[in-house]
Amino acid sequence: MAAITASMVAELRARTDSPMMECKKALTEAEGDMTRAEEILRVKLGSKAGKAASRITAEGVVASVVSGNAGALIEVNCETDFVSKNDAFLAFVNALAGLIAENDPASVEALSALPLSQEGFGPTVEDVRKGLIGKIGENMTIRRFKRYAGSKLVSYLHGTRIGVMVEFEGDDVAAKDVAMHVAAMKPAALSAAEVSADLVEKERKIAAEKAAESGKPAEIVAKMVEGSVQKFLKEVSLLDQVFVKAADGKQTVAQMLKDKATTVKSFTLYVVGEGIEKKVDDFAAEVAAQVAAASKGQ
């Protein structure tokens, strides 16, 4: 039997975009014949992984794990809502959350290099990802994650599309309520001081355009703009928002937390596909293109 070298595996992987271990298995089965090994992979996985890599992944799931004082929140995307319910895909995402909490990878690239085996694919996260792409037939990408350690943590998942993790000190129930509040109200930051300068500037520009239409003196316009910005900051700052469970409809999150002797240090909110531009297919144009292509082939 021909010896299977690392360079042979690397070459086959480059040709087919298939997981490393699958390349090694195919080469072994083909007794080192590169062409035959490529054929074996095409039969087993098709050309799905290579073709899928360019497709937009705007669906997916958010998963979380809390183990002691370590926890992780992660978003992994796929192409369709159907695959976001696939058991193998969900198992992959949950495994990633556990790896993040345990290993503290610095980036998606570092996470992708960690050891993982699933569905016969491996030995790394990236190999499993590519293997699942080939098996399921859809592109999937690890978009983002956040790891926490050293404080009390609580997470809340609203289905699989919205996920929140809260870092806190104090009452567990109050912290859980805050996580649910974040999922519902989607604050941009913990406090007004932490709202990004870009977001504030964008709101200030909008307010200035509206105020300018009033025709009032410049000093009045300036006050109107500042008032609008301050109102905006209260609306998007967690601590200044009216708590969703407030009995009087007025109590803020900050007031609720003070009553419960609880401090929220930070939070992370992920909404699946947020900010990803989804591809909208023009069905009529697609059919017309197929008809035109068929006509040329006649």
Protein backbone atom coordinates (compact mmCIF):
# COMPACT_ATOMS: atom_id res chain seq x y z
CA MET A 1 0.00 0.00 0.00
CA ALA A 2 1.29 3.44 -0.93
CA ALA A 3 2.35 5.70 1.93
CA ILE A 4 -0.04 8.59 2.46
CA THR A 5 1.98 11.73 3.18
CA ALA A 6 0.88 15.03 4.68
CA SER A 7 1.68 16.80 1.41
CA MET A 8 -0.65 14.45 -0.48
CA VAL A 9 -3.45 15.15 1.99
CA ALA A 10 -2.82 18.89 1.70
CA GLU A 11 -2.89 18.73 -2.10
CA LEU A 12 -6.17 16.80 -2.17
CA ARG A 13 -7.70 19.20 0.35
CA ALA A 14 -6.67 22.15 -1.82
CA ARG A 15 -8.23 20.51 -4.88
CA THR A 16 -11.53 19.57 -3.27
CA ASP A 17 -11.97 21.86 -0.24
CA SER A 18 -12.86 18.71 1.73
CA PRO A 19 -12.05 18.05 5.42
CA MET A 20 -8.51 16.85 6.10
CA MET A 21 -9.46 13.48 7.58
CA GLU A 22 -11.84 12.79 4.70
CA CYS A 23 -8.98 13.48 2.29
CA LYS A 24 -6.74 11.07 4.17
CA LYS A 25 -9.44 8.36 4.14
CA ALA A 26 -10.03 8.83 0.43
CA LEU A 27 -6.30 8.62 -0.35
CA THR A 28 -5.99 5.48 1.74
CA GLU A 29 -8.95 3.90 -0.07
CA ALA A 30 -7.48 4.92 -3.43
CA GLU A 31 -4.03 3.61 -2.42
CA GLY A 32 -2.46 6.99 -3.04
CA ASP A 33 -4.04 7.60 -6.44
CA MET A 34 -4.87 11.33 -6.34
CA THR A 35 -7.37 11.24 -9.20
CA ARG A 36 -9.21 8.26 -7.75
CA ALA A 37 -9.23 9.86 -4.29
CA GLU A 38 -10.80 12.99 -5.75
CA GLU A 39 -13.49 10.84 -7.38
CA ILE A 40 -14.17 9.09 -4.06
CA LEU A 41 -14.65 12.45 -2.34
CA ARG A 42 -16.99 13.68 -5.05
CA VAL A 43 -19.10 10.56 -4.63
CA LYS A 44 -19.14 10.91 -0.85
CA LEU A 45 -19.41 14.68 -0.43
CA GLY A 46 -20.08 15.97 -3.91
CA SER A 47 -18.70 19.42 -4.69
CA LYS A 48 -20.95 20.95 -2.08
CA ALA A 49 -18.36 22.47 0.21
CA GLY A 50 -16.53 24.37 -2.52
CA LYS A 51 -19.70 25.65 -4.17
CA ALA A 52 -21.37 26.56 -0.89
CA ALA A 53 -18.49 28.66 0.38
CA SER A 54 -19.58 31.78 -1.55
CA ARG A 55 -23.25 31.70 -0.56
CA ILE A 56 -24.72 34.14 1.94
CA THR A 57 -25.40 32.80 5.43
CA ALA A 58 -28.02 35.05 7.01
CA GLU A 59 -29.92 32.38 8.94
CA GLY A 60 -28.58 30.33 11.82
CA VAL A 61 -28.71 30.07 15.59
CA VAL A 62 -27.39 31.61 18.78
CA ALA A 63 -26.25 29.25 21.53
CA SER A 64 -24.87 29.75 25.02
CA VAL A 65 -23.23 27.87 27.83
CA VAL A 66 -22.50 28.82 31.45
CA SER A 67 -20.17 26.64 33.48
CA GLY A 68 -19.27 28.12 36.86
CA ASN A 69 -17.76 31.55 36.29
CA ALA A 70 -17.07 30.91 32.61
CA GLY A 71 -19.57 31.25 29.82
CA ALA A 72 -19.90 31.84 26.10
CA LEU A 73 -22.40 33.20 23.62
CA ILE A 74 -21.99 32.33 19.94
CA GLU A 75 -23.71 32.93 16.61
CA VAL A 76 -23.23 30.45 13.78
CA ASN A 77 -24.91 31.12 10.45
CA CYS A 78 -26.29 28.97 7.65
CA GLU A 79 -28.28 29.68 4.49
CA THR A 80 -31.80 28.56 5.37
CA ASP A 81 -34.06 28.31 8.37
CA PHE A 82 -34.50 24.61 7.59
CA VAL A 83 -30.83 23.85 8.28
CA SER A 84 -30.90 25.96 11.45
CA LYS A 85 -33.13 23.21 12.88
CA ASN A 86 -30.87 20.35 11.73
CA ASP A 87 -29.69 18.21 14.66
CA ALA A 88 -26.12 17.92 13.40
CA PHE A 89 -25.88 21.69 12.89
CA LEU A 90 -27.28 22.39 16.37
CA ALA A 91 -24.90 19.86 17.95
CA PHE A 92 -21.99 21.60 16.20
CA VAL A 93 -22.99 25.03 17.49
CA ASN A 94 -23.47 23.79 21.06
CA ALA A 95 -20.10 22.05 20.94
CA LEU A 96 -18.48 25.32 19.87
CA ALA A 97 -20.02 27.18 22.80
CA GLY A 98 -18.48 24.63 25.17
CA LEU A 99 -15.08 24.88 23.48
CA ILE A 100 -15.09 28.66 23.79
CA ALA A 101 -15.95 28.59 27.50
CA GLU A 102 -13.27 25.99 28.18
CA ASN A 103 -10.43 27.17 25.93
CA ASP A 104 -10.84 30.96 25.58
CA PRO A 105 -9.88 31.24 21.89
CA ALA A 106 -8.85 34.73 20.82
CA SER A 107 -10.63 34.71 17.47
CA VAL A 108 -12.81 32.70 15.09
CA GLU A 109 -9.60 31.47 13.47
CA ALA A 110 -8.27 30.24 16.82
CA LEU A 111 -11.60 28.56 17.57
CA SER A 112 -11.55 26.89 14.15
CA ALA A 113 -8.18 25.31 14.94
CA LEU A 114 -9.33 23.69 18.20
CA PRO A 115 -9.78 19.90 18.27
CA LEU A 116 -13.27 18.58 17.58
CA SER A 117 -14.78 15.41 16.11
CA GLN A 118 -18.38 15.03 15.00
CA GLU A 119 -20.28 12.94 12.48
CA GLY A 120 -17.04 11.24 11.52
CA PHE A 121 -15.40 14.57 10.67
CA GLY A 122 -12.38 16.12 12.37
CA PRO A 123 -9.88 16.49 13.94
CA THR A 124 -10.47 20.27 14.12
CA VAL A 125 -13.49 22.56 14.28
CA GLU A 126 -12.75 23.72 10.73
CA ASP A 127 -12.68 20.15 9.46
CA VAL A 128 -16.03 19.44 11.09
CA ARG A 129 -17.49 22.64 9.63
CA LYS A 130 -16.39 21.73 6.11
CA GLY A 131 -17.54 18.15 6.58
CA LEU A 132 -21.01 19.28 7.62
CA ILE A 133 -21.16 21.64 4.64
CA GLY A 134 -20.50 18.69 2.39
CA LYS A 135 -22.98 16.46 4.17
CA ILE A 136 -25.82 18.96 4.58
CA GLY A 137 -25.21 20.91 1.39
CA GLU A 138 -25.30 24.42 2.79
CA ASN A 139 -22.65 26.94 3.65
CA MET A 140 -22.22 27.64 7.35
CA THR A 141 -20.00 30.20 9.04
CA ILE A 142 -18.92 30.95 12.59
CA ARG A 143 -19.77 34.62 12.77
CA ARG A 144 -18.97 35.84 16.29
CA PHE A 145 -18.70 34.87 19.93
CA LYS A 146 -18.17 36.40 23.34
CA ARG A 147 -16.57 34.67 26.33
CA TYR A 148 -16.90 35.75 29.94
CA ALA A 149 -14.97 34.58 33.01
CA GLY A 150 -14.53 35.61 36.64
CA SER A 151 -18.02 36.91 37.48
CA LYS A 152 -21.52 35.55 37.93
CA LEU A 153 -23.21 34.93 34.62
CA VAL A 154 -26.70 34.29 33.34
CA SER A 155 -27.89 33.64 29.79
CA TYR A 156 -31.25 33.81 28.09
CA LEU A 157 -32.17 32.40 24.69
CA HIS A 158 -35.37 33.47 22.97
CA GLY A 159 -35.77 30.45 20.75
CA THR A 160 -32.55 30.08 18.80
CA ARG A 161 -32.50 33.47 17.09
CA ILE A 162 -31.90 35.85 20.01
CA GLY A 163 -29.34 35.26 22.73
CA VAL A 164 -28.22 37.32 25.72
CA MET A 165 -25.50 36.88 28.31
CA VAL A 166 -25.30 39.11 31.38
CA GLU A 167 -22.32 39.55 33.68
CA PHE A 168 -23.47 40.60 37.15
CA GLU A 169 -23.12 40.57 40.91
CA GLY A 170 -26.12 40.04 43.17
CA ASP A 171 -29.51 38.42 42.72
CA ASP A 172 -29.82 35.63 40.13
CA VAL A 173 -33.51 36.27 39.45
CA ALA A 174 -32.96 39.99 38.87
CA ALA A 175 -30.12 39.22 36.47
CA LYS A 176 -32.29 36.75 34.56
CA ASP A 177 -35.00 39.39 34.30
CA VAL A 178 -32.44 41.81 32.86
CA ALA A 179 -31.37 39.23 30.27
CA MET A 180 -35.00 38.82 29.20
CA HIS A 181 -35.40 42.62 29.12
CA VAL A 182 -32.35 42.93 26.85
CA ALA A 183 -33.79 40.34 24.46
CA ALA A 184 -37.07 42.27 24.30
CA MET A 185 -35.85 45.87 24.23
CA LYS A 186 -32.44 45.43 22.54
CA PRO A 187 -30.49 48.25 24.20
CA ALA A 188 -27.39 49.46 22.40
CA ALA A 189 -25.24 49.80 25.52
CA LEU A 190 -25.24 49.42 29.29
CA SER A 191 -25.28 53.17 29.97
CA ALA A 192 -25.54 56.41 28.00
CA ALA A 193 -21.79 56.94 28.36
CA GLU A 194 -21.13 53.62 26.61
CA VAL A 195 -23.25 54.23 23.51
CA SER A 196 -20.90 54.31 20.52
CA ALA A 197 -19.85 57.72 19.23
CA ASP A 198 -20.86 56.72 15.70
CA LEU A 199 -24.40 55.93 16.81
CA VAL A 200 -24.68 59.19 18.75
CA GLU A 201 -23.36 61.18 15.79
CA LYS A 202 -25.83 59.50 13.44
CA GLU A 203 -28.72 60.39 15.76
CA ARG A 204 -27.42 63.96 16.18
CA LYS A 205 -27.36 64.41 12.40
CA ILE A 206 -30.93 63.18 12.05
CA ALA A 207 -32.08 65.42 14.91
CA ALA A 208 -30.33 68.43 13.36
CA GLU A 209 -32.06 67.89 10.03
CA LYS A 210 -35.45 67.66 11.71
CA ALA A 211 -34.84 70.70 13.91
CA ALA A 212 -33.65 72.78 10.96
CA GLU A 213 -37.04 72.33 9.32
CA SER A 214 -38.72 74.15 12.23
CA GLY A 215 -37.39 77.52 11.04
CA LYS A 216 -36.56 78.54 14.62
CA PRO A 217 -33.46 80.53 15.67
CA ALA A 218 -30.11 78.72 15.76
CA GLU A 219 -29.88 78.68 19.57
CA ILE A 220 -33.33 77.09 19.82
CA VAL A 221 -32.42 74.54 17.14
CA ALA A 222 -29.26 73.62 19.09
CA LYS A 223 -31.33 72.98 22.23
CA MET A 224 -33.82 70.91 20.25
CA VAL A 225 -31.01 68.78 18.85
CA GLU A 226 -29.44 68.24 22.26
CA GLY A 227 -32.82 67.32 23.73
CA SER A 228 -33.42 64.78 20.99
CA VAL A 229 -29.99 63.22 21.51
CA GLN A 230 -30.50 62.93 25.28
CA LYS A 231 -33.90 61.31 24.75
CA PHE A 232 -32.32 58.86 22.30
CA LEU A 233 -29.57 57.93 24.78
CA LYS A 234 -32.16 57.08 27.44
CA GLU A 235 -34.08 54.94 24.96
CA VAL A 236 -31.06 52.84 23.96
CA SER A 237 -29.22 52.62 27.31
CA LEU A 238 -30.10 49.54 29.35
CA LEU A 239 -29.97 51.18 32.76
CA ASP A 240 -32.15 54.11 31.63
CA GLN A 241 -34.82 52.01 29.91
CA VAL A 242 -38.15 51.38 31.61
CA PHE A 243 -38.01 47.84 32.97
CA VAL A 244 -40.31 45.55 30.96
CA LYS A 245 -41.78 44.09 34.16
CA ALA A 246 -42.24 47.43 35.94
CA ALA A 247 -45.56 47.31 37.79
CA ASP A 248 -45.97 51.08 37.54
CA GLY A 249 -44.74 51.32 33.96
CA LYS A 250 -42.11 53.81 35.07
CA GLN A 251 -39.43 51.99 37.05
CA THR A 252 -36.12 51.90 35.16
CA VAL A 253 -33.79 48.94 34.99
CA ALA A 254 -31.31 50.85 37.17
CA GLN A 255 -33.97 51.38 39.84
CA MET A 256 -35.01 47.72 39.76
CA LEU A 257 -31.41 46.59 40.14
CA LYS A 258 -30.86 48.96 43.05
CA ASP A 259 -33.91 47.54 44.80
CA LYS A 260 -32.50 44.03 44.32
CA ALA A 261 -28.97 45.01 45.40
CA THR A 262 -27.69 43.81 42.02
CA THR A 263 -25.12 45.26 39.64
CA VAL A 264 -24.93 44.49 35.93
CA LYS A 265 -21.34 44.80 34.75
CA SER A 266 -21.92 44.13 31.06
CA PHE A 267 -24.07 42.26 28.58
CA THR A 268 -23.91 40.83 25.09
CA LEU A 269 -26.88 40.58 22.73
CA TYR A 270 -26.83 38.57 19.51
CA VAL A 271 -29.67 38.54 17.00
CA VAL A 272 -29.23 36.02 14.19
CA GLY A 273 -28.34 37.62 10.87
CA GLU A 274 -28.34 41.15 12.26
CA GLY A 275 -26.47 43.38 9.82
CA ILE A 276 -26.05 40.66 7.19
CA GLU A 277 -27.46 41.60 3.81
CA LYS A 278 -29.76 38.81 2.69
CA LYS A 279 -29.88 37.87 -0.97
CA VAL A 280 -33.35 38.35 -2.45
CA ASP A 281 -33.76 36.11 -5.45
CA ASP A 282 -35.74 37.35 -8.44
CA PHE A 283 -37.60 34.16 -9.34
CA ALA A 284 -38.90 35.49 -12.66
CA ALA A 285 -35.43 36.58 -13.73
CA GLU A 286 -34.00 33.22 -12.68
CA VAL A 287 -36.57 31.33 -14.76
CA ALA A 288 -35.95 33.62 -17.74
CA ALA A 289 -32.20 32.99 -17.48
CA GLN A 290 -32.71 29.25 -17.38
CA VAL A 291 -35.02 29.38 -20.44
CA ALA A 292 -32.48 31.47 -22.32
CA ALA A 293 -29.67 29.06 -21.43
CA ALA A 294 -31.77 26.11 -22.55
CA SER A 295 -32.55 27.83 -25.88
CA LYS A 296 -28.87 28.38 -26.59
CA GLY A 297 -28.17 24.73 -25.93
CA GLN A 298 -30.67 23.57 -28.56
